[in-house]
PDB file of N, CA and C in Angstrom:
ATOM      1  N   MET A   1     101.251  50.255 -44.133  1.00  0.00           N
ATOM      2  CA  MET A   1     100.888  48.918 -44.244  1.00  0.00           C
ATOM      3  C   MET A   1     101.622  48.509 -43.111  1.00  0.00           C
ATOM      4  N   ILE A   2     101.244  47.363 -42.410  1.00  0.00           N
ATOM      5  CA  ILE A   2     102.396  46.411 -41.490  1.00  0.00           C
ATOM      6  C   ILE A   2     102.011  44.885 -41.904  1.00  0.00           C
ATOM      7  N   ILE A   3     102.946  44.429 -41.798  1.00  0.00           N
ATOM      8  CA  ILE A   3     103.122  43.063 -42.336  1.00  0.00           C
ATOM      9  C   ILE A   3     103.628  42.124 -41.134  1.00  0.00           C
ATOM     10  N   LYS A   4     102.466  41.337 -40.280  1.00  0.00           N
ATOM     11  CA  LYS A   4     102.901  40.996 -39.459  1.00  0.00           C
ATOM     12  C   LYS A   4     103.068  39.297 -39.412  1.00  0.00           C
ATOM     13  N   ILE A   5     104.040  38.748 -39.159  1.00  0.00           N
ATOM     14  CA  ILE A   5     104.478  37.340 -39.201  1.00  0.00           C
ATOM     15  C   ILE A   5     104.777  36.652 -37.653  1.00  0.00           C
ATOM     16  N   THR A   6     103.923  35.892 -37.437  1.00  0.00           N
ATOM     17  CA  THR A   6     103.947  35.028 -36.082  1.00  0.00           C
ATOM     18  C   THR A   6     104.122  33.859 -36.516  1.00  0.00           C
ATOM     19  N   GLY A   7     104.887  33.135 -35.574  1.00  0.00           N
ATOM     20  CA  GLY A   7     105.415  31.656 -35.527  1.00  0.00           C
ATOM     21  C   GLY A   7     106.150  31.175 -34.690  1.00  0.00           C
ATOM     22  N   GLU A   8     107.010  29.981 -35.112  1.00  0.00           N
ATOM     23  CA  GLU A   8     108.133  29.489 -33.986  1.00  0.00           C
ATOM     24  C   GLU A   8     109.629  30.038 -34.324  1.00  0.00           C
ATOM     25  N   VAL A   9     110.160  30.597 -33.548  1.00  0.00           N
ATOM     26  CA  VAL A   9     111.392  31.327 -33.787  1.00  0.00           C
ATOM     27  C   VAL A   9     112.370  30.010 -34.271  1.00  0.00           C
ATOM     28  N   ASP A  10     112.986  30.081 -35.368  1.00  0.00           N
ATOM     29  CA  ASP A  10     114.003  29.239 -35.925  1.00  0.00           C
ATOM     30  C   ASP A  10     115.249  29.005 -35.056  1.00  0.00           C
ATOM     31  N   PRO A  11     115.585  28.212 -34.362  1.00  0.00           N
ATOM     32  CA  PRO A  11     116.918  28.257 -33.432  1.00  0.00           C
ATOM     33  C   PRO A  11     118.222  28.488 -34.243  1.00  0.00           C
ATOM     34  N   ASP A  12     118.469  27.927 -35.507  1.00  0.00           N
ATOM     35  CA  ASP A  12     119.455  28.389 -36.283  1.00  0.00           C
ATOM     36  C   ASP A  12     119.662  29.742 -36.371  1.00  0.00           C
ATOM     37  N   THR A  13     118.731  30.180 -36.885  1.00  0.00           N
ATOM     38  CA  THR A  13     118.840  31.869 -37.236  1.00  0.00           C
ATOM     39  C   THR A  13     118.051  33.042 -36.105  1.00  0.00           C
ATOM     40  N   GLY A  14     117.685  32.076 -35.090  1.00  0.00           N
ATOM     41  CA  GLY A  14     116.907  33.177 -34.081  1.00  0.00           C
ATOM     42  C   GLY A  14     116.050  33.903 -34.982  1.00  0.00           C
ATOM     43  N   TYR A  15     115.370  34.037 -35.860  1.00  0.00           N
ATOM     44  CA  TYR A  15     114.062  34.481 -36.666  1.00  0.00           C
ATOM     45  C   TYR A  15     112.879  34.021 -36.756  1.00  0.00           C
ATOM     46  N   VAL A  16     111.730  34.281 -36.796  1.00  0.00           N
ATOM     47  CA  VAL A  16     110.763  33.643 -37.259  1.00  0.00           C
ATOM     48  C   VAL A  16     110.752  33.862 -38.726  1.00  0.00           C
ATOM     49  N   MET A  17     111.130  34.816 -39.474  1.00  0.00           N
ATOM     50  CA  MET A  17     111.080  35.008 -40.937  1.00  0.00           C
ATOM     51  C   MET A  17     112.589  36.368 -40.954  1.00  0.00           C
ATOM     52  N   ASP A  18     113.489  35.965 -41.799  1.00  0.00           N
ATOM     53  CA  ASP A  18     114.480  36.917 -41.853  1.00  0.00           C
ATOM     54  C   ASP A  18     113.579  38.195 -42.311  1.00  0.00           C
ATOM     55  N   ILE A  19     113.951  39.282 -41.661  1.00  0.00           N
ATOM     56  CA  ILE A  19     113.576  40.908 -41.931  1.00  0.00           C
ATOM     57  C   ILE A  19     113.735  41.165 -43.675  1.00  0.00           C
ATOM     58  N   LYS A  20     115.000  40.764 -43.987  1.00  0.00           N
ATOM     59  CA  LYS A  20     115.726  41.334 -45.224  1.00  0.00           C
ATOM     60  C   LYS A  20     114.823  40.254 -46.151  1.00  0.00           C
ATOM     61  N   THR A  21     114.540  39.216 -45.947  1.00  0.00           N
ATOM     62  CA  THR A  21     113.830  38.083 -46.855  1.00  0.00           C
ATOM     63  C   THR A  21     112.516  38.800 -46.982  1.00  0.00           C
ATOM     64  N   LEU A  22     111.943  38.962 -46.071  1.00  0.00           N
ATOM     65  CA  LEU A  22     110.542  39.714 -45.968  1.00  0.00           C
ATOM     66  C   LEU A  22     110.422  40.977 -46.669  1.00  0.00           C
ATOM     67  N   LYS A  23     111.208  41.783 -46.488  1.00  0.00           N
ATOM     68  CA  LYS A  23     111.696  43.387 -47.081  1.00  0.00           C
ATOM     69  C   LYS A  23     111.665  43.280 -48.663  1.00  0.00           C
ATOM     70  N   GLU A  24     112.347  41.756 -48.906  1.00  0.00           N
ATOM     71  CA  GLU A  24     112.649  42.136 -50.416  1.00  0.00           C
ATOM     72  C   GLU A  24     111.302  41.393 -50.915  1.00  0.00           C
ATOM     73  N   LEU A  25     110.528  40.520 -50.238  1.00  0.00           N
ATOM     74  CA  LEU A  25     109.223  39.911 -50.892  1.00  0.00           C
ATOM     75  C   LEU A  25     108.283  41.251 -50.928  1.00  0.00           C
ATOM     76  N   VAL A  26     108.026  41.834 -50.037  1.00  0.00           N
ATOM     77  CA  VAL A  26     107.294  42.797 -49.993  1.00  0.00           C
ATOM     78  C   VAL A  26     107.244  43.890 -50.963  1.00  0.00           C
ATOM     79  N   GLU A  27     108.333  44.278 -51.247  1.00  0.00           N
ATOM     80  CA  GLU A  27     108.954  45.241 -52.482  1.00  0.00           C
ATOM     81  C   GLU A  27     108.672  44.348 -53.811  1.00  0.00           C
ATOM     82  N   GLN A  28     108.810  43.144 -54.052  1.00  0.00           N
ATOM     83  CA  GLN A  28     108.749  43.139 -55.251  1.00  0.00           C
ATOM     84  C   GLN A  28     106.880  42.379 -55.517  1.00  0.00           C
ATOM     85  N   ALA A  29     106.678  41.992 -54.303  1.00  0.00           N
ATOM     86  CA  ALA A  29     105.207  41.508 -54.429  1.00  0.00           C
ATOM     87  C   ALA A  29     104.071  42.237 -54.351  1.00  0.00           C
ATOM     88  N   VAL A  30     104.455  43.510 -53.513  1.00  0.00           N
ATOM     89  CA  VAL A  30     103.455  44.495 -53.108  1.00  0.00           C
ATOM     90  C   VAL A  30     103.821  46.097 -53.721  1.00  0.00           C
ATOM     91  N   THR A  31     104.863  46.466 -53.300  1.00  0.00           N
ATOM     92  CA  THR A  31     105.502  47.777 -53.552  1.00  0.00           C
ATOM     93  C   THR A  31     105.418  48.461 -55.120  1.00  0.00           C
ATOM     94  N   GLU A  32     106.473  47.138 -55.739  1.00  0.00           N
ATOM     95  CA  GLU A  32     106.430  47.552 -57.163  1.00  0.00           C
ATOM     96  C   GLU A  32     105.023  47.345 -58.026  1.00  0.00           C
ATOM     97  N   ARG A  33     104.321  46.560 -57.494  1.00  0.00           N
ATOM     98  CA  ARG A  33     103.179  46.307 -58.102  1.00  0.00           C
ATOM     99  C   ARG A  33     102.095  47.159 -58.069  1.00  0.00           C
ATOM    100  N   PHE A  34     101.775  47.718 -56.476  1.00  0.00           N
ATOM    101  CA  PHE A  34     100.600  48.785 -56.425  1.00  0.00           C
ATOM    102  C   PHE A  34     101.352  50.283 -56.408  1.00  0.00           C
ATOM    103  N   ASP A  35     102.479  50.577 -55.778  1.00  0.00           N
ATOM    104  CA  ASP A  35     103.212  52.021 -55.940  1.00  0.00           C
ATOM    105  C   ASP A  35     102.829  52.924 -57.403  1.00  0.00           C
ATOM    106  N   HIS A  36     102.076  54.011 -57.090  1.00  0.00           N
ATOM    107  CA  HIS A  36     101.852  54.905 -58.382  1.00  0.00           C
ATOM    108  C   HIS A  36     101.131  54.286 -59.604  1.00  0.00           C
ATOM    109  N   ARG A  37     100.002  53.245 -59.225  1.00  0.00           N
ATOM    110  CA  ARG A  37      99.319  52.604 -60.190  1.00  0.00           C
ATOM    111  C   ARG A  37      97.855  53.245 -59.702  1.00  0.00           C
ATOM    112  N   ASN A  38      96.888  53.304 -60.765  1.00  0.00           N
ATOM    113  CA  ASN A  38      95.153  53.210 -60.702  1.00  0.00           C
ATOM    114  C   ASN A  38      94.909  51.922 -60.546  1.00  0.00           C
ATOM    115  N   LEU A  39      94.488  51.422 -59.103  1.00  0.00           N
ATOM    116  CA  LEU A  39      94.221  50.359 -59.062  1.00  0.00           C
ATOM    117  C   LEU A  39      92.634  49.639 -59.964  1.00  0.00           C
ATOM    118  N   ASN A  40      91.915  50.783 -60.373  1.00  0.00           N
ATOM    119  CA  ASN A  40      90.936  50.117 -60.637  1.00  0.00           C
ATOM    120  C   ASN A  40      91.336  50.014 -62.089  1.00  0.00           C
ATOM    121  N   LEU A  41      92.292  50.370 -62.827  1.00  0.00           N
ATOM    122  CA  LEU A  41      92.692  50.125 -64.340  1.00  0.00           C
ATOM    123  C   LEU A  41      93.846  49.606 -64.263  1.00  0.00           C
ATOM    124  N   ASP A  42      94.716  49.654 -63.652  1.00  0.00           N
ATOM    125  CA  ASP A  42      96.346  48.966 -63.669  1.00  0.00           C
ATOM    126  C   ASP A  42      96.639  47.609 -63.436  1.00  0.00           C
ATOM    127  N   LEU A  43      95.792  47.276 -62.453  1.00  0.00           N
ATOM    128  CA  LEU A  43      95.709  45.491 -61.839  1.00  0.00           C
ATOM    129  C   LEU A  43      94.374  45.244 -61.941  1.00  0.00           C
ATOM    130  N   PRO A  44      94.986  43.781 -62.971  1.00  0.00           N
ATOM    131  CA  PRO A  44      93.858  42.820 -63.180  1.00  0.00           C
ATOM    132  C   PRO A  44      93.002  42.386 -61.825  1.00  0.00           C
ATOM    133  N   GLU A  45      93.505  42.186 -60.835  1.00  0.00           N
ATOM    134  CA  GLU A  45      92.753  41.725 -59.427  1.00  0.00           C
ATOM    135  C   GLU A  45      91.601  42.907 -59.385  1.00  0.00           C
ATOM    136  N   PHE A  46      91.452  44.066 -59.641  1.00  0.00           N
ATOM    137  CA  PHE A  46      90.682  44.870 -59.402  1.00  0.00           C
ATOM    138  C   PHE A  46      89.964  45.453 -60.758  1.00  0.00           C
ATOM    139  N   ALA A  47      90.062  44.266 -61.433  1.00  0.00           N
ATOM    140  CA  ALA A  47      89.117  44.768 -62.749  1.00  0.00           C
ATOM    141  C   ALA A  47      87.761  44.339 -62.258  1.00  0.00           C
ATOM    142  N   SER A  48      87.557  43.488 -61.500  1.00  0.00           N
ATOM    143  CA  SER A  48      85.677  43.783 -60.979  1.00  0.00           C
ATOM    144  C   SER A  48      85.744  43.510 -59.212  1.00  0.00           C
ATOM    145  N   LEU A  49      86.828  43.814 -58.805  1.00  0.00           N
ATOM    146  CA  LEU A  49      86.869  43.954 -57.405  1.00  0.00           C
ATOM    147  C   LEU A  49      87.016  45.471 -56.660  1.00  0.00           C
ATOM    148  N   ASN A  50      86.101  45.835 -56.111  1.00  0.00           N
ATOM    149  CA  ASN A  50      85.970  47.079 -55.464  1.00  0.00           C
ATOM    150  C   ASN A  50      87.321  47.334 -54.898  1.00  0.00           C
ATOM    151  N   PRO A  51      88.443  48.529 -55.142  1.00  0.00           N
ATOM    152  CA  PRO A  51      89.607  48.591 -54.193  1.00  0.00           C
ATOM    153  C   PRO A  51      89.482  48.990 -52.792  1.00  0.00           C
ATOM    154  N   THR A  52      88.498  48.586 -52.094  1.00  0.00           N
ATOM    155  CA  THR A  52      88.464  48.853 -50.461  1.00  0.00           C
ATOM    156  C   THR A  52      89.773  48.532 -49.830  1.00  0.00           C
ATOM    157  N   ALA A  53      89.923  49.137 -48.861  1.00  0.00           N
ATOM    158  CA  ALA A  53      91.107  48.648 -47.559  1.00  0.00           C
ATOM    159  C   ALA A  53      90.869  47.029 -47.525  1.00  0.00           C
ATOM    160  N   GLU A  54      89.812  46.885 -47.374  1.00  0.00           N
ATOM    161  CA  GLU A  54      89.587  45.319 -47.357  1.00  0.00           C
ATOM    162  C   GLU A  54      90.073  44.303 -48.221  1.00  0.00           C
ATOM    163  N   ASN A  55      89.768  44.733 -49.511  1.00  0.00           N
ATOM    164  CA  ASN A  55      89.840  43.972 -50.590  1.00  0.00           C
ATOM    165  C   ASN A  55      91.383  44.067 -50.864  1.00  0.00           C
ATOM    166  N   ILE A  56      92.070  45.225 -50.602  1.00  0.00           N
ATOM    167  CA  ILE A  56      93.389  45.661 -50.848  1.00  0.00           C
ATOM    168  C   ILE A  56      94.331  44.616 -50.174  1.00  0.00           C
ATOM    169  N   SER A  57      93.944  44.723 -48.616  1.00  0.00           N
ATOM    170  CA  SER A  57      94.692  44.038 -47.636  1.00  0.00           C
ATOM    171  C   SER A  57      94.358  42.534 -48.349  1.00  0.00           C
ATOM    172  N   MET A  58      93.480  41.809 -48.627  1.00  0.00           N
ATOM    173  CA  MET A  58      93.126  40.539 -48.954  1.00  0.00           C
ATOM    174  C   MET A  58      94.058  40.320 -50.425  1.00  0.00           C
ATOM    175  N   ILE A  59      94.121  40.993 -50.927  1.00  0.00           N
ATOM    176  CA  ILE A  59      94.864  40.990 -52.604  1.00  0.00           C
ATOM    177  C   ILE A  59      96.199  40.669 -51.972  1.00  0.00           C
ATOM    178  N   ILE A  60      96.981  41.602 -51.218  1.00  0.00           N
ATOM    179  CA  ILE A  60      98.128  41.564 -50.503  1.00  0.00           C
ATOM    180  C   ILE A  60      98.459  40.360 -49.799  1.00  0.00           C
ATOM    181  N   TYR A  61      97.653  39.891 -48.838  1.00  0.00           N
ATOM    182  CA  TYR A  61      98.117  38.600 -48.549  1.00  0.00           C
ATOM    183  C   TYR A  61      97.752  37.388 -49.714  1.00  0.00           C
ATOM    184  N   THR A  62      97.010  37.573 -50.253  1.00  0.00           N
ATOM    185  CA  THR A  62      97.053  36.380 -51.289  1.00  0.00           C
ATOM    186  C   THR A  62      98.341  36.435 -52.058  1.00  0.00           C
ATOM    187  N   LEU A  63      98.824  37.675 -52.361  1.00  0.00           N
ATOM    188  CA  LEU A  63     100.373  37.714 -53.050  1.00  0.00           C
ATOM    189  C   LEU A  63     101.497  37.137 -52.094  1.00  0.00           C
ATOM    190  N   LEU A  64     101.364  37.390 -50.930  1.00  0.00           N
ATOM    191  CA  LEU A  64     102.187  37.162 -50.315  1.00  0.00           C
ATOM    192  C   LEU A  64     102.269  35.870 -49.536  1.00  0.00           C
ATOM    193  N   LYS A  65     101.266  35.405 -49.262  1.00  0.00           N
ATOM    194  CA  LYS A  65     101.198  33.743 -48.292  1.00  0.00           C
ATOM    195  C   LYS A  65     101.818  32.932 -48.876  1.00  0.00           C
ATOM    196  N   PRO A  66     102.145  32.529 -50.326  1.00  0.00           N
ATOM    197  CA  PRO A  66     102.597  31.433 -51.189  1.00  0.00           C
ATOM    198  C   PRO A  66     104.062  31.367 -50.660  1.00  0.00           C
ATOM    199  N   GLN A  67     104.907  32.329 -50.343  1.00  0.00           N
ATOM    200  CA  GLN A  67     105.981  32.433 -49.875  1.00  0.00           C
ATOM    201  C   GLN A  67     106.411  32.613 -48.512  1.00  0.00           C
ATOM    202  N   ILE A  68     105.278  32.545 -47.516  1.00  0.00           N
ATOM    203  CA  ILE A  68     105.413  32.987 -46.075  1.00  0.00           C
ATOM    204  C   ILE A  68     105.238  31.430 -45.354  1.00  0.00           C
ATOM    205  N   GLN A  69     105.561  30.772 -44.744  1.00  0.00           N
ATOM    206  CA  GLN A  69     105.331  29.691 -44.263  1.00  0.00           C
ATOM    207  C   GLN A  69     104.582  29.700 -43.102  1.00  0.00           C
ATOM    208  N   ASN A  70     104.866  31.190 -42.088  1.00  0.00           N
ATOM    209  CA  ASN A  70     104.257  31.182 -40.765  1.00  0.00           C
ATOM    210  C   ASN A  70     102.982  31.872 -40.860  1.00  0.00           C
ATOM    211  N   LYS A  71     102.564  31.890 -39.965  1.00  0.00           N
ATOM    212  CA  LYS A  71     101.021  32.842 -39.965  1.00  0.00           C
ATOM    213  C   LYS A  71     101.148  34.496 -40.282  1.00  0.00           C
ATOM    214  N   LEU A  72     100.376  34.688 -41.086  1.00  0.00           N
ATOM    215  CA  LEU A  72     100.558  36.000 -41.809  1.00  0.00           C
ATOM    216  C   LEU A  72      99.457  36.937 -41.694  1.00  0.00           C
ATOM    217  N   THR A  73      99.660  38.213 -41.376  1.00  0.00           N
ATOM    218  CA  THR A  73      98.503  39.074 -40.981  1.00  0.00           C
ATOM    219  C   THR A  73      99.136  40.436 -41.862  1.00  0.00           C
ATOM    220  N   VAL A  74      97.989  41.302 -42.400  1.00  0.00           N
ATOM    221  CA  VAL A  74      98.235  42.294 -43.270  1.00  0.00           C
ATOM    222  C   VAL A  74      97.419  43.316 -42.581  1.00  0.00           C
ATOM    223  N   ILE A  75      98.151  44.293 -42.027  1.00  0.00           N
ATOM    224  CA  ILE A  75      96.858  45.535 -41.357  1.00  0.00           C
ATOM    225  C   ILE A  75      97.315  46.694 -42.725  1.00  0.00           C
ATOM    226  N   LEU A  76      96.025  47.255 -43.060  1.00  0.00           N
ATOM    227  CA  LEU A  76      96.486  48.109 -43.822  1.00  0.00           C
ATOM    228  C   LEU A  76      95.645  49.533 -43.120  1.00  0.00           C
ATOM    229  N   TYR A  77      96.219  50.767 -43.486  1.00  0.00           N
ATOM    230  CA  TYR A  77      95.403  51.896 -42.604  1.00  0.00           C
ATOM    231  C   TYR A  77      94.963  52.773 -43.719  1.00  0.00           C
ATOM    232  N   GLU A  78      93.911  53.197 -43.571  1.00  0.00           N
ATOM    233  CA  GLU A  78      93.075  54.121 -44.389  1.00  0.00           C
ATOM    234  C   GLU A  78      93.461  55.650 -43.986  1.00  0.00           C
ATOM    235  N   THR A  79      93.333  55.759 -42.579  1.00  0.00           N
ATOM    236  CA  THR A  79      93.562  57.041 -41.627  1.00  0.00           C
ATOM    237  C   THR A  79      94.324  56.371 -40.832  1.00  0.00           C
ATOM    238  N   GLU A  80      94.782  57.285 -39.946  1.00  0.00           N
ATOM    239  CA  GLU A  80      95.583  56.690 -38.760  1.00  0.00           C
ATOM    240  C   GLU A  80      94.761  56.501 -37.596  1.00  0.00           C
ATOM    241  N   ARG A  81      93.472  56.615 -37.693  1.00  0.00           N
ATOM    242  CA  ARG A  81      92.518  55.944 -36.873  1.00  0.00           C
ATOM    243  C   ARG A  81      91.700  54.865 -37.175  1.00  0.00           C
ATOM    244  N   ASN A  82      91.641  54.350 -38.750  1.00  0.00           N
ATOM    245  CA  ASN A  82      91.124  53.427 -39.440  1.00  0.00           C
ATOM    246  C   ASN A  82      91.816  52.426 -40.293  1.00  0.00           C
ATOM    247  N   PHE A  83      91.933  51.286 -39.799  1.00  0.00           N
ATOM    248  CA  PHE A  83      92.638  50.644 -40.589  1.00  0.00           C
ATOM    249  C   PHE A  83      91.789  49.007 -40.608  1.00  0.00           C
ATOM    250  N   VAL A  84      92.022  48.011 -41.445  1.00  0.00           N
ATOM    251  CA  VAL A  84      91.839  46.612 -41.975  1.00  0.00           C
ATOM    252  C   VAL A  84      92.960  45.967 -41.120  1.00  0.00           C
ATOM    253  N   GLU A  85      92.279  44.618 -40.837  1.00  0.00           N
ATOM    254  CA  GLU A  85      93.415  43.755 -40.947  1.00  0.00           C
ATOM    255  C   GLU A  85      93.085  42.404 -41.264  1.00  0.00           C
ATOM    256  N   TYR A  86      93.776  41.779 -41.930  1.00  0.00           N
ATOM    257  CA  TYR A  86      93.603  40.330 -42.651  1.00  0.00           C
ATOM    258  C   TYR A  86      94.297  39.439 -42.513  1.00  0.00           C
ATOM    259  N   SER A  87      93.788  38.206 -42.189  1.00  0.00           N
ATOM    260  CA  SER A  87      94.900  37.202 -42.068  1.00  0.00           C
ATOM    261  C   SER A  87      94.410  36.010 -42.381  1.00  0.00           C
ATOM    262  N   GLY A  88      93.418  36.056 -43.582  1.00  0.00           N
ATOM    263  CA  GLY A  88      93.243  34.683 -44.378  1.00  0.00           C
ATOM    264  C   GLY A  88      91.750  34.025 -43.737  1.00  0.00           C
ATOM    265  N   GLU A  89      91.219  34.863 -43.253  1.00  0.00           N
ATOM    266  CA  GLU A  89      90.212  33.868 -42.359  1.00  0.00           C
ATOM    267  C   GLU A  89      88.688  34.704 -43.005  1.00  0.00           C
TER     268      GLU A  89
END
């Protein structure tokens, strides 16, 4: 998975978004929630939604976007050659 943040660089910090903050956010909102889980059985988001790569990337976006002010894109790989990209559109 790749989390892409684009936007204006903050002149005070030199960052679009602090990488440490982003890492902690992804760990809490995504890794702890999805890691070692049966998506069909353990996550309410997939109770009636097929956990395809497209839907998983959409759910990850939905979980992260409220805490990210800049443009967010979630890129999720199924294989090294097949991936989906979701940016809320």
